[in-house]
Amino acid sequence: MSLQVEKLEKNMAKLTIEVSAGDLEKALQNSYKKQKNKISLPGFRKGKVPRQMIEKMYGAEIFYDDAANELIPRAYAEAYDECGLEIVSQPGIDVVQIEKGKPFIFTAEVATKPEVTLGEYKGLEIDKVSNRVTQKEVDAKIQEEAEKNARTISVEDRPVQDKDEVIMDFEGFVDGEAFEGGKGENYPLTIGSGAFIPGFEEQLIGVERETEVEVKVTFPEDYHAENLKGKDAVFKCTVHEIKTKELPEIDDEFASEVSEFDTLEEYKADVKAKIKDQKTAEGKAAQEDQAVEKAIENASMEIPEAMIETQVRQMKDDFARRIQAQGLTLEQYFQFTGMSAEKMTEEMRPQAEKRIRTRLVLEAVAKAENIEISDERLDEEIAKMAENYKMEADKLKELMGENEKKQMKEDMAVQEAVTFLVENAVEK
């Protein structure tokens, strides 16, 4: 194999790859062996037709596609290793010459990793964040836990109140005529949930059990049923049951039931500590996002379209794998949601470009600041992974290839670059 590399505009390159006539001949012969059992000619048994006869009858081109498909992946892989370029896209293949007795020549057009010109990345302004926790936040969290542990009880001595759950019958009428889908029996509805059209639930407040009432509403102009958009309607409703939540007393006993603590004070202290940890983590993430965004804004690079297309393709493949884990194919997802492959590509493109820019800038920062991950640091990270997988670290390390280890080091260096940006930023 011989290789010529031509640099093109916008971080593209063309590899011209030449495979010897001898290797092409071997591939043509392999194609003949695969296809000969499918070809029959008068006077020959199936599978016994000489290659020369087939080529005379159908032309030598009959084996070209198979031969090219055999040669291209192997020759491109060799060229990829030999060219010295950082290729960041799938190749666009174009066959230049395929002819029996001559070298096989094809080109592979690829995107190469863009160079990044960093702007200011030290001293970036980021928002100051606070992890201060108020008593109101602690009380709200404990109240939320109390509501999770509430009992639902039936109420018979009062009318409907806000937040109650009612069991009701209803039937809707427009211009005195009942409409399709407007009737329900023993229907559960939580007052204030917004499950029904605006104005419906509020009119049930104060209604007594087993009393028929009329609820008057107007359907929104954007209602999903075309025949009801903007129409005035009357619903005849009868509430059969009223239910409410009975919250537990927030005391030591409650604390011992919902936590590992014996007293309410200990439980409150733990809740406060967890809220503080959450605020700290969220604040750190927000500062990281700000610092990275500003570093990207200050940097310049020219991203080839093929690189973005490759990133979108990877994102679509990842999405397809996720929904397949839920028992859906991509085609079924499109059918159920009205999405299309074209629309998905369009929606993913900005995110794909942002991912590329983020990665390129952080790699450039890591390079500029000589951020490198030692073998010892890598071993520590592998040990953490092994603990999560409940494996021995040495065993996991054995299973990992050199490329995986290299990728891990690069990912860790990128994360170190994020930390560097925040540590060298200025809080305002």
Protein backbone atom coordinates (compact mmCIF):
# COMPACT_ATOMS: atom_id res chain seq x y z
CA MET A 1 0.00 0.00 0.00
CA SER A 2 1.16 3.54 -0.77
CA LEU A 3 -0.27 6.75 0.66
CA GLN A 4 -0.40 10.40 -0.31
CA VAL A 5 -1.77 13.04 2.09
CA GLU A 6 -3.21 16.33 0.85
CA LYS A 7 -4.23 19.02 3.34
CA LEU A 8 -7.47 20.76 2.36
CA GLU A 9 -9.22 23.87 3.65
CA LYS A 10 -11.24 24.00 6.87
CA ASN A 11 -9.29 21.23 8.63
CA MET A 12 -10.04 18.60 6.01
CA ALA A 13 -7.56 16.22 4.40
CA LYS A 14 -7.61 13.82 1.49
CA LEU A 15 -5.80 10.50 1.72
CA THR A 16 -5.04 8.92 -1.65
CA ILE A 17 -4.47 5.24 -1.02
CA GLU A 18 -3.05 2.85 -3.60
CA VAL A 19 -3.29 -0.93 -3.24
CA SER A 20 -1.10 -3.14 -5.45
CA ALA A 21 -2.52 -4.91 -8.49
CA GLY A 22 -1.54 -8.20 -6.82
CA ASP A 23 -3.66 -7.47 -3.74
CA LEU A 24 -6.55 -6.43 -5.99
CA GLU A 25 -6.24 -9.73 -7.87
CA LYS A 26 -6.42 -11.67 -4.58
CA ALA A 27 -9.56 -9.75 -3.60
CA LEU A 28 -11.14 -10.40 -7.01
CA GLN A 29 -10.40 -14.11 -6.63
CA ASN A 30 -11.94 -14.09 -3.14
CA SER A 31 -15.04 -12.43 -4.57
CA TYR A 32 -15.25 -15.10 -7.27
CA LYS A 33 -15.03 -17.86 -4.64
CA LYS A 34 -17.87 -16.28 -2.66
CA GLN A 35 -20.14 -15.76 -5.66
CA LYS A 36 -19.45 -18.74 -7.89
CA ASN A 37 -22.10 -20.93 -6.23
CA LYS A 38 -24.75 -18.36 -7.14
CA ILE A 39 -23.82 -18.16 -10.83
CA SER A 40 -24.82 -20.68 -13.48
CA LEU A 41 -24.06 -20.80 -17.21
CA PRO A 42 -25.28 -23.31 -19.81
CA GLY A 43 -22.91 -26.26 -20.02
CA PHE A 44 -21.55 -25.83 -16.49
CA ARG A 45 -22.74 -27.15 -13.17
CA LYS A 46 -23.60 -24.51 -10.58
CA GLY A 47 -20.46 -23.48 -8.73
CA LYS A 48 -18.17 -24.89 -11.42
CA VAL A 49 -18.19 -21.98 -13.88
CA PRO A 50 -14.58 -20.76 -14.43
CA ARG A 51 -13.94 -17.18 -13.41
CA GLN A 52 -12.75 -16.29 -16.91
CA MET A 53 -16.09 -17.43 -18.37
CA ILE A 54 -18.05 -15.36 -15.83
CA GLU A 55 -15.95 -12.27 -16.56
CA LYS A 56 -16.34 -12.83 -20.31
CA MET A 57 -20.11 -13.14 -19.97
CA TYR A 58 -20.78 -10.40 -17.38
CA GLY A 59 -17.61 -8.32 -17.47
CA ALA A 60 -14.79 -8.18 -14.93
CA GLU A 61 -16.81 -5.52 -13.07
CA ILE A 62 -19.00 -8.25 -11.57
CA PHE A 63 -16.42 -8.80 -8.82
CA TYR A 64 -15.31 -5.18 -8.34
CA ASP A 65 -17.75 -4.19 -5.55
CA ASP A 66 -16.92 -7.18 -3.38
CA ALA A 67 -13.21 -6.71 -3.93
CA ALA A 68 -13.38 -3.02 -3.06
CA ASN A 69 -15.39 -3.75 0.08
CA GLU A 70 -12.69 -6.22 1.15
CA LEU A 71 -9.73 -3.95 0.42
CA ILE A 72 -10.96 -0.52 1.58
CA PRO A 73 -11.35 -1.18 5.36
CA ARG A 74 -7.96 -2.86 5.64
CA ALA A 75 -6.11 -0.31 3.48
CA TYR A 76 -7.80 2.65 5.20
CA ALA A 77 -6.87 1.27 8.64
CA GLU A 78 -3.22 1.09 7.54
CA ALA A 79 -3.39 4.61 6.11
CA TYR A 80 -4.99 5.89 9.32
CA ASP A 81 -2.05 4.61 11.36
CA GLU A 82 0.54 5.82 8.85
CA CYS A 83 -0.74 9.32 7.94
CA GLY A 84 0.16 11.02 11.23
CA LEU A 85 -3.09 13.01 11.29
CA GLU A 86 -5.55 13.29 14.17
CA ILE A 87 -8.64 12.14 12.27
CA VAL A 88 -11.94 13.09 13.90
CA SER A 89 -14.57 11.91 11.41
CA GLN A 90 -15.68 8.93 9.40
CA PRO A 91 -13.99 8.89 5.98
CA GLY A 92 -15.77 9.88 2.78
CA ILE A 93 -14.65 7.16 0.37
CA ASP A 94 -14.35 7.65 -3.39
CA VAL A 95 -12.98 4.95 -5.71
CA VAL A 96 -10.59 6.46 -8.26
CA GLN A 97 -9.41 3.34 -10.09
CA ILE A 98 -10.43 -0.28 -9.99
CA GLU A 99 -9.41 -2.32 -12.98
CA LYS A 100 -8.13 -5.84 -13.31
CA GLY A 101 -4.33 -5.89 -13.68
CA LYS A 102 -3.90 -2.34 -12.31
CA PRO A 103 -3.43 -0.94 -8.80
CA PHE A 104 -6.62 -0.20 -6.89
CA ILE A 105 -6.77 3.50 -5.96
CA PHE A 106 -9.27 5.24 -3.73
CA THR A 107 -9.44 8.44 -1.70
CA ALA A 108 -10.63 8.99 1.85
CA GLU A 109 -11.66 12.54 2.75
CA VAL A 110 -11.49 13.10 6.49
CA ALA A 111 -11.79 15.87 9.07
CA THR A 112 -8.70 16.53 11.16
CA LYS A 113 -8.63 17.82 14.70
CA PRO A 114 -8.80 21.63 14.60
CA GLU A 115 -6.15 23.77 16.21
CA VAL A 116 -7.48 25.89 19.06
CA THR A 117 -6.27 29.40 19.72
CA LEU A 118 -6.92 30.06 23.37
CA GLY A 119 -7.96 33.52 24.49
CA GLU A 120 -8.12 34.55 28.14
CA TYR A 121 -8.72 31.51 30.32
CA LYS A 122 -7.21 32.68 33.61
CA GLY A 123 -8.89 35.28 35.79
CA LEU A 124 -12.34 34.63 34.28
CA GLU A 125 -15.21 36.18 36.21
CA ILE A 126 -17.66 33.71 37.74
CA ASP A 127 -20.56 34.18 40.13
CA LYS A 128 -19.96 33.73 43.81
CA VAL A 129 -22.13 30.98 45.20
CA SER A 130 -23.41 30.38 48.69
CA ASN A 131 -24.15 27.12 50.47
CA ARG A 132 -25.92 28.86 53.35
CA VAL A 133 -29.00 26.94 54.49
CA THR A 134 -32.00 28.71 56.03
CA GLN A 135 -34.34 27.26 58.63
CA LYS A 136 -37.16 27.71 56.11
CA GLU A 137 -35.39 25.36 53.68
CA VAL A 138 -34.88 22.75 56.40
CA ASP A 139 -38.53 22.98 57.46
CA ALA A 140 -39.70 22.67 53.84
CA LYS A 141 -37.60 19.53 53.34
CA ILE A 142 -38.96 17.95 56.51
CA GLN A 143 -42.50 18.93 55.50
CA GLU A 144 -41.94 17.24 52.14
CA GLU A 145 -40.90 14.05 53.96
CA ALA A 146 -43.95 14.30 56.21
CA GLU A 147 -46.23 14.51 53.17
CA LYS A 148 -44.61 11.38 51.75
CA ASN A 149 -45.53 9.59 54.97
CA ALA A 150 -49.05 11.02 55.22
CA ARG A 151 -52.13 8.79 55.58
CA THR A 152 -55.08 9.30 53.26
CA ILE A 153 -58.36 9.39 55.19
CA SER A 154 -61.98 9.83 54.13
CA VAL A 155 -63.78 13.00 55.19
CA GLU A 156 -67.53 13.06 55.82
CA ASP A 157 -68.14 16.11 58.03
CA ARG A 158 -67.15 18.94 55.69
CA PRO A 159 -67.27 20.07 52.03
CA VAL A 160 -64.40 19.92 49.54
CA GLN A 161 -61.27 21.93 50.33
CA ASP A 162 -58.17 22.79 48.34
CA LYS A 163 -55.69 19.87 48.11
CA ASP A 164 -58.41 17.28 48.77
CA GLU A 165 -58.73 14.23 46.57
CA VAL A 166 -62.30 13.67 45.40
CA ILE A 167 -63.98 10.72 43.74
CA MET A 168 -66.58 12.10 41.37
CA ASP A 169 -68.88 11.61 38.39
CA PHE A 170 -69.01 14.28 35.72
CA GLU A 171 -70.50 14.89 32.29
CA GLY A 172 -69.74 17.86 30.04
CA PHE A 173 -72.10 19.70 27.70
CA VAL A 174 -71.50 22.31 24.99
CA ASP A 175 -74.61 24.17 23.81
CA GLY A 176 -76.69 21.66 25.77
CA GLU A 177 -75.23 18.66 23.94
CA ALA A 178 -72.97 16.07 25.61
CA PHE A 179 -69.62 15.77 23.85
CA GLU A 180 -67.34 12.77 23.32
CA GLY A 181 -64.77 12.23 26.06
CA GLY A 182 -66.53 14.57 28.46
CA LYS A 183 -67.89 11.93 30.83
CA GLY A 184 -66.30 10.13 33.75
CA GLU A 185 -67.47 7.94 36.62
CA ASN A 186 -65.76 7.46 39.99
CA TYR A 187 -62.96 9.65 38.68
CA PRO A 188 -60.18 10.58 41.16
CA LEU A 189 -59.14 14.23 41.08
CA THR A 190 -56.83 16.16 43.40
CA ILE A 191 -58.08 19.74 43.82
CA GLY A 192 -55.40 22.22 42.80
CA SER A 193 -53.43 19.72 40.71
CA GLY A 194 -54.26 21.48 37.44
CA ALA A 195 -55.23 18.16 35.88
CA PHE A 196 -58.48 19.62 34.47
CA ILE A 197 -58.95 22.73 32.34
CA PRO A 198 -58.46 26.09 34.10
CA GLY A 199 -61.26 27.10 36.45
CA PHE A 200 -62.72 23.61 36.86
CA GLU A 201 -61.15 22.45 40.10
CA GLU A 202 -61.61 25.74 41.98
CA GLN A 203 -65.39 25.54 41.50
CA LEU A 204 -65.53 22.23 43.38
CA ILE A 205 -64.23 23.85 46.58
CA GLY A 206 -67.13 24.07 49.05
CA VAL A 207 -69.19 21.33 47.37
CA GLU A 208 -70.87 18.81 49.68
CA ARG A 209 -70.83 15.06 49.09
CA GLU A 210 -73.61 13.61 46.88
CA THR A 211 -74.68 17.09 45.74
CA GLU A 212 -74.89 17.75 42.00
CA VAL A 213 -73.31 21.05 40.93
CA GLU A 214 -72.74 22.74 37.60
CA VAL A 215 -69.19 23.80 36.78
CA LYS A 216 -68.91 26.38 34.01
CA VAL A 217 -65.66 26.67 32.09
CA THR A 218 -64.24 27.80 28.76
CA PHE A 219 -61.93 25.49 26.84
CA PRO A 220 -58.55 27.08 25.98
CA GLU A 221 -57.96 28.22 22.40
CA ASP A 222 -55.05 25.75 22.13
CA TYR A 223 -57.06 22.76 23.43
CA HIS A 224 -56.12 19.51 21.71
CA ALA A 225 -59.68 18.70 20.55
CA GLU A 226 -60.46 20.91 17.57
CA ASN A 227 -64.25 20.88 18.18
CA LEU A 228 -63.84 22.22 21.74
CA LYS A 229 -61.30 25.00 21.26
CA GLY A 230 -62.56 28.22 22.86
CA LYS A 231 -66.00 26.74 23.56
CA ASP A 232 -68.03 27.42 26.72
CA ALA A 233 -68.98 24.22 28.53
CA VAL A 234 -71.04 23.13 31.52
CA PHE A 235 -70.07 20.06 33.55
CA LYS A 236 -72.60 18.38 35.81
CA CYS A 237 -70.60 16.99 38.71
CA THR A 238 -71.35 14.87 41.76
CA VAL A 239 -68.71 14.30 44.43
CA HIS A 240 -69.07 10.87 46.05
CA GLU A 241 -66.01 10.83 48.30
CA ILE A 242 -63.71 13.42 49.84
CA LYS A 243 -60.26 12.35 50.95
CA THR A 244 -57.50 14.29 52.63
CA LYS A 245 -53.97 13.65 53.78
CA GLU A 246 -53.32 13.35 57.48
CA LEU A 247 -49.74 14.37 58.16
CA PRO A 248 -47.76 12.74 60.94
CA GLU A 249 -46.71 14.81 63.94
CA ILE A 250 -43.21 16.10 63.34
CA ASP A 251 -41.49 14.95 66.53
CA ASP A 252 -38.86 12.52 67.77
CA GLU A 253 -41.00 9.53 66.82
CA PHE A 254 -41.38 10.84 63.25
CA ALA A 255 -37.62 11.43 63.04
CA SER A 256 -36.86 7.87 64.16
CA GLU A 257 -39.27 6.45 61.55
CA VAL A 258 -37.94 8.36 58.55
CA SER A 259 -34.24 8.46 59.44
CA GLU A 260 -31.47 6.75 61.37
CA PHE A 261 -31.72 9.33 64.16
CA ASP A 262 -33.55 9.11 67.48
CA THR A 263 -34.38 12.79 67.94
CA LEU A 264 -35.89 15.50 65.78
CA GLU A 265 -32.95 17.82 66.46
CA GLU A 266 -30.47 15.24 65.14
CA TYR A 267 -32.66 14.67 62.08
CA LYS A 268 -32.89 18.42 61.40
CA ALA A 269 -29.11 18.75 61.65
CA ASP A 270 -28.68 15.93 59.14
CA VAL A 271 -31.22 17.47 56.75
CA LYS A 272 -29.40 20.80 56.99
CA ALA A 273 -26.03 19.13 56.27
CA LYS A 274 -27.44 17.34 53.21
CA ILE A 275 -28.98 20.53 51.82
CA LYS A 276 -25.64 22.26 52.33
CA ASP A 277 -23.80 19.46 50.49
CA GLN A 278 -26.29 19.68 47.64
CA LYS A 279 -25.89 23.46 47.39
CA THR A 280 -22.11 23.08 47.43
CA ALA A 281 -22.21 20.55 44.59
CA GLU A 282 -24.68 22.63 42.56
CA GLY A 283 -22.61 25.78 43.14
CA LYS A 284 -19.44 24.04 42.03
CA ALA A 285 -21.15 22.75 38.88
CA ALA A 286 -22.53 26.23 38.10
CA GLN A 287 -19.08 27.82 38.47
CA GLU A 288 -17.52 25.13 36.28
CA ASP A 289 -20.14 25.74 33.58
CA GLN A 290 -19.54 29.50 33.69
CA ALA A 291 -15.76 29.20 33.54
CA VAL A 292 -15.86 26.71 30.66
CA GLU A 293 -18.42 28.82 28.73
CA LYS A 294 -16.24 31.92 29.02
CA ALA A 295 -13.08 30.06 28.03
CA ILE A 296 -14.91 28.79 24.93
CA GLU A 297 -16.17 32.29 24.09
CA ASN A 298 -12.59 33.62 24.26
CA ALA A 299 -11.13 30.83 22.11
CA SER A 300 -11.22 30.47 18.34
CA MET A 301 -11.25 27.36 16.17
CA GLU A 302 -12.62 26.17 12.85
CA ILE A 303 -14.63 22.99 13.24
CA PRO A 304 -15.06 20.91 10.07
CA GLU A 305 -18.62 19.94 9.21
CA ALA A 306 -17.67 16.26 8.99
CA MET A 307 -16.55 16.36 12.65
CA ILE A 308 -19.96 17.70 13.71
CA GLU A 309 -21.74 15.08 11.59
CA THR A 310 -19.70 12.33 13.25
CA GLN A 311 -20.56 13.67 16.73
CA VAL A 312 -24.27 13.82 15.86
CA ARG A 313 -24.11 10.25 14.57
CA GLN A 314 -22.53 9.09 17.85
CA MET A 315 -25.20 10.93 19.86
CA LYS A 316 -27.97 9.31 17.81
CA ASP A 317 -26.38 5.89 18.30
CA ASP A 318 -26.15 6.49 22.07
CA PHE A 319 -29.82 7.56 22.15
CA ALA A 320 -30.85 4.49 20.16
CA ARG A 321 -29.03 2.22 22.62
CA ARG A 322 -30.75 3.91 25.58
CA ILE A 323 -34.25 3.49 24.20
CA GLN A 324 -33.47 -0.07 23.09
CA ALA A 325 -32.68 -0.81 26.75
CA GLN A 326 -36.27 0.30 27.41
CA GLY A 327 -37.62 -2.08 24.77
CA LEU A 328 -38.11 0.43 21.92
CA THR A 329 -36.50 0.68 18.51
CA LEU A 330 -35.60 4.06 17.06
CA GLU A 331 -38.27 3.58 14.39
CA GLN A 332 -40.94 2.95 17.07
CA TYR A 333 -39.78 6.06 18.95
CA PHE A 334 -40.17 8.14 15.79
CA GLN A 335 -43.64 6.67 15.23
CA PHE A 336 -44.84 7.36 18.79
CA THR A 337 -43.41 10.87 19.09
CA GLY A 338 -43.76 12.20 15.56
CA MET A 339 -40.00 12.81 15.52
CA SER A 340 -37.97 12.05 12.39
CA ALA A 341 -34.31 11.26 11.80
CA GLU A 342 -33.89 14.60 10.03
CA LYS A 343 -35.50 16.58 12.86
CA MET A 344 -33.46 14.70 15.47
CA THR A 345 -30.27 15.51 13.57
CA GLU A 346 -31.26 19.18 13.39
CA GLU A 347 -32.01 19.35 17.13
CA MET A 348 -28.82 17.52 18.12
CA ARG A 349 -26.49 19.59 15.95
CA PRO A 350 -26.07 22.62 18.30
CA GLN A 351 -25.42 20.30 21.24
CA ALA A 352 -22.92 18.29 19.18
CA GLU A 353 -21.03 21.43 18.20
CA LYS A 354 -21.00 22.61 21.83
CA ARG A 355 -19.59 19.27 22.99
CA ILE A 356 -16.82 19.49 20.40
CA ARG A 357 -15.90 23.08 21.29
CA THR A 358 -15.90 22.26 25.00
CA ARG A 359 -13.64 19.25 24.58
CA LEU A 360 -11.22 21.03 22.25
CA VAL A 361 -10.85 24.05 24.53
CA LEU A 362 -10.34 21.95 27.65
CA GLU A 363 -7.76 19.79 25.88
CA ALA A 364 -5.98 22.98 24.79
CA VAL A 365 -6.00 24.30 28.39
CA ALA A 366 -4.61 20.98 29.65
CA LYS A 367 -1.85 21.14 27.05
CA ALA A 368 -1.04 24.81 27.79
CA GLU A 369 -0.80 24.12 31.53
CA ASN A 370 1.07 20.80 31.13
CA ILE A 371 -1.72 18.91 32.88
CA GLU A 372 -0.85 15.23 32.61
CA ILE A 373 -2.19 12.24 34.46
CA SER A 374 0.40 9.94 35.97
CA ASP A 375 0.16 6.15 35.94
CA GLU A 376 -0.32 6.30 39.73
CA ARG A 377 -3.35 8.60 39.36
CA LEU A 378 -4.77 6.31 36.71
CA ASP A 379 -4.33 3.32 39.02
CA GLU A 380 -6.22 5.18 41.77
CA GLU A 381 -9.12 5.85 39.39
CA ILE A 382 -9.17 2.23 38.22
CA ALA A 383 -9.25 1.13 41.87
CA LYS A 384 -12.34 3.30 42.44
CA MET A 385 -14.01 1.82 39.36
CA ALA A 386 -13.15 -1.69 40.50
CA GLU A 387 -14.73 -1.01 43.88
CA ASN A 388 -17.94 0.11 42.17
CA TYR A 389 -17.93 -3.01 39.99
CA LYS A 390 -17.04 -5.18 43.00
CA MET A 391 -13.93 -6.40 41.18
CA GLU A 392 -10.24 -6.61 41.97
CA ALA A 393 -8.38 -3.56 40.62
CA ASP A 394 -5.65 -5.67 39.00
CA LYS A 395 -8.26 -7.78 37.22
CA LEU A 396 -10.07 -4.72 35.86
CA LYS A 397 -6.76 -3.24 34.73
CA GLU A 398 -5.93 -6.45 32.86
CA LEU A 399 -9.27 -6.30 31.05
CA MET A 400 -8.66 -2.74 29.88
CA GLY A 401 -6.81 -2.18 26.62
CA GLU A 402 -4.12 0.44 26.14
CA ASN A 403 -6.52 2.65 24.18
CA GLU A 404 -9.02 2.58 27.05
CA LYS A 405 -6.33 3.58 29.54
CA LYS A 406 -5.16 6.36 27.22
CA GLN A 407 -8.75 7.61 26.88
CA MET A 408 -9.17 7.56 30.66
CA LYS A 409 -6.05 9.67 31.10
CA GLU A 410 -7.30 12.17 28.52
CA ASP A 411 -10.72 12.40 30.20
CA MET A 412 -9.11 12.91 33.61
CA ALA A 413 -6.85 15.63 32.21
CA VAL A 414 -9.89 17.40 30.74
CA GLN A 415 -11.60 17.35 34.14
CA GLU A 416 -8.41 18.69 35.74
CA ALA A 417 -8.53 21.52 33.20
CA VAL A 418 -12.05 22.39 34.37
CA THR A 419 -10.82 22.51 37.97
CA PHE A 420 -7.90 24.70 36.87
CA LEU A 421 -10.25 27.21 35.21
CA VAL A 422 -12.37 27.55 38.36
CA GLU A 423 -9.37 27.75 40.72
CA ASN A 424 -7.91 30.54 38.59
CA ALA A 425 -11.20 32.41 38.14
CA VAL A 426 -12.33 35.52 40.02
CA GLU A 427 -15.58 35.41 41.98
CA LYS A 428 -17.74 38.49 41.59
